[in-house]
Protein backbone atom coordinates (compact mmCIF):
# COMPACT_ATOMS: atom_id res chain seq x y z
CA UNK A 1 -39.44 -33.57 4.68
CA UNK A 2 -37.88 -35.75 6.84
CA UNK A 3 -39.84 -35.49 10.82
CA UNK A 4 -40.63 -37.68 13.26
CA UNK A 5 -43.73 -37.66 15.63
CA UNK A 6 -44.45 -39.43 18.98
CA UNK A 7 -47.45 -39.33 21.21
CA UNK A 8 -46.30 -38.71 25.07
CA UNK A 9 -49.99 -38.43 26.92
CA UNK A 10 -51.64 -35.85 25.69
CA UNK A 11 -49.25 -34.47 23.69
CA UNK A 12 -47.23 -34.82 20.27
CA UNK A 13 -43.67 -34.29 20.36
CA UNK A 14 -43.53 -33.47 16.49
CA UNK A 15 -38.93 -33.12 15.55
CA UNK A 16 -38.46 -32.48 12.49
CA UNK A 17 -34.56 -33.90 11.22
CA UNK A 18 -34.03 -31.20 8.70
CA UNK A 19 -30.91 -28.88 8.74
CA UNK A 20 -32.59 -25.88 7.66
CA UNK A 21 -36.41 -24.65 7.72
CA UNK A 22 -36.69 -22.37 5.36
CA UNK A 23 -38.76 -21.80 1.93
CA UNK A 24 -38.38 -24.91 0.58
CA UNK A 25 -40.58 -26.82 3.17
CA UNK A 26 -42.29 -24.55 5.13
CA UNK A 27 -45.64 -25.32 3.12
CA UNK A 28 -45.64 -28.86 3.79
CA UNK A 29 -44.68 -28.12 7.49
CA UNK A 30 -47.95 -26.34 7.39
CA UNK A 31 -49.50 -29.32 5.69
CA UNK A 32 -48.21 -31.27 8.25
CA UNK A 33 -49.94 -29.75 11.39
CA UNK A 34 -53.01 -28.85 9.54
CA UNK A 35 -53.39 -32.39 8.84
CA UNK A 36 -52.31 -33.36 12.46
CA UNK A 37 -54.81 -30.60 13.79
CA UNK A 38 -57.18 -32.47 12.01
CA UNK A 39 -56.76 -35.66 13.54
CA UNK A 40 -57.01 -33.99 16.77
CA UNK A 41 -55.88 -37.24 19.11
CA UNK A 42 -53.60 -34.27 21.33
CA UNK A 43 -53.69 -31.40 23.23
CA UNK A 44 -49.96 -29.76 23.31
CA UNK A 45 -47.50 -30.04 20.81
CA UNK A 46 -43.37 -29.78 21.03
CA UNK A 47 -41.71 -29.20 17.92
CA UNK A 48 -37.60 -30.46 18.57
CA UNK A 49 -35.67 -28.31 16.38
CA UNK A 50 -32.56 -29.79 17.30
CA UNK A 51 -31.55 -30.77 14.12
CA UNK A 52 -32.37 -27.50 12.52
CA UNK A 53 -29.16 -24.87 12.45
CA UNK A 54 -30.51 -22.18 10.34
CA UNK A 55 -34.30 -20.73 9.44
CA UNK A 56 -36.07 -18.11 7.96
CA UNK A 57 -39.21 -16.22 8.07
CA UNK A 58 -40.92 -19.14 6.16
CA UNK A 59 -40.09 -20.92 8.75
CA UNK A 60 -41.12 -19.43 11.72
CA UNK A 61 -44.73 -18.69 9.94
CA UNK A 62 -45.17 -22.14 9.97
CA UNK A 63 -44.15 -22.58 13.58
CA UNK A 64 -46.52 -19.25 14.12
CA UNK A 65 -49.24 -22.12 12.01
CA UNK A 66 -48.82 -24.30 14.61
CA UNK A 67 -49.27 -21.85 17.02
CA UNK A 68 -52.26 -20.23 16.36
CA UNK A 69 -53.99 -23.92 15.67
CA UNK A 70 -52.96 -25.27 19.13
CA UNK A 71 -53.96 -21.64 20.69
CA UNK A 72 -57.48 -22.27 19.29
CA UNK A 73 -57.65 -25.62 21.32
CA UNK A 74 -57.01 -23.87 24.53
CA UNK A 75 -53.56 -26.53 23.77
CA UNK A 76 -49.86 -25.67 24.24
CA UNK A 77 -47.19 -25.57 22.54
CA UNK A 78 -43.00 -25.53 23.36
CA UNK A 79 -40.37 -25.01 21.11
CA UNK A 80 -37.57 -27.20 22.50
CA UNK A 81 -34.24 -26.96 21.98
CA UNK A 82 -33.41 -24.62 19.00
CA UNK A 83 -29.86 -23.91 17.78
CA UNK A 84 -27.97 -20.85 18.80
CA UNK A 85 -28.62 -19.29 14.97
CA UNK A 86 -32.72 -20.39 15.36
CA UNK A 87 -33.21 -19.17 18.90
CA UNK A 88 -30.99 -15.63 18.02
CA UNK A 89 -33.81 -15.34 15.02
CA UNK A 90 -37.05 -15.98 17.40
CA UNK A 91 -35.47 -13.24 20.14
CA UNK A 92 -34.60 -10.38 17.05
CA UNK A 93 -37.88 -11.08 15.55
CA UNK A 94 -39.35 -10.88 19.61
CA UNK A 95 -41.32 -13.93 19.03
CA UNK A 96 -39.71 -15.09 22.65
CA UNK A 97 -42.77 -13.17 23.58
CA UNK A 98 -45.28 -15.34 21.57
CA UNK A 99 -43.48 -18.91 21.83
CA UNK A 100 -42.27 -20.43 24.45
CA UNK A 101 -39.33 -22.14 23.95
CA UNK A 102 -37.63 -25.11 26.12
CA UNK A 103 -34.13 -26.33 26.17
CA UNK A 104 -34.45 -29.66 25.89
CA UNK A 105 -37.67 -31.89 24.94
CA UNK A 106 -37.58 -32.89 28.35
CA UNK A 107 -37.83 -29.56 29.99
CA UNK A 108 -40.87 -28.79 27.11
CA UNK A 109 -42.70 -32.30 28.49
CA UNK A 110 -41.93 -31.05 32.31
CA UNK A 111 -43.55 -27.46 31.16
CA UNK A 112 -46.50 -28.68 29.70
CA UNK A 113 -47.78 -30.70 31.97
């Protein structure tokens, strides 16, 4: 799984550099989120999906794990830059009611602060 992290203040930006967020990497992604939270050196999380072209239910499950973990610490989470196909899945599953989505990482940073 290819990803990058960047920390700005109390916010961790997690950029997934994969075309597909599916069952092949969702378990790894859940593990990375869990490890990051155990280290606990951030309060807020932005998941940058700008490179992700498709996502399935297991991919959404990984995002929901991150949401649950950050919520347990009263932090904030934002999904940034989802492509149209990914955003449509978020809307169809009604997760847009649970997950906050931003058009860009910059917008997400501004909304989280």
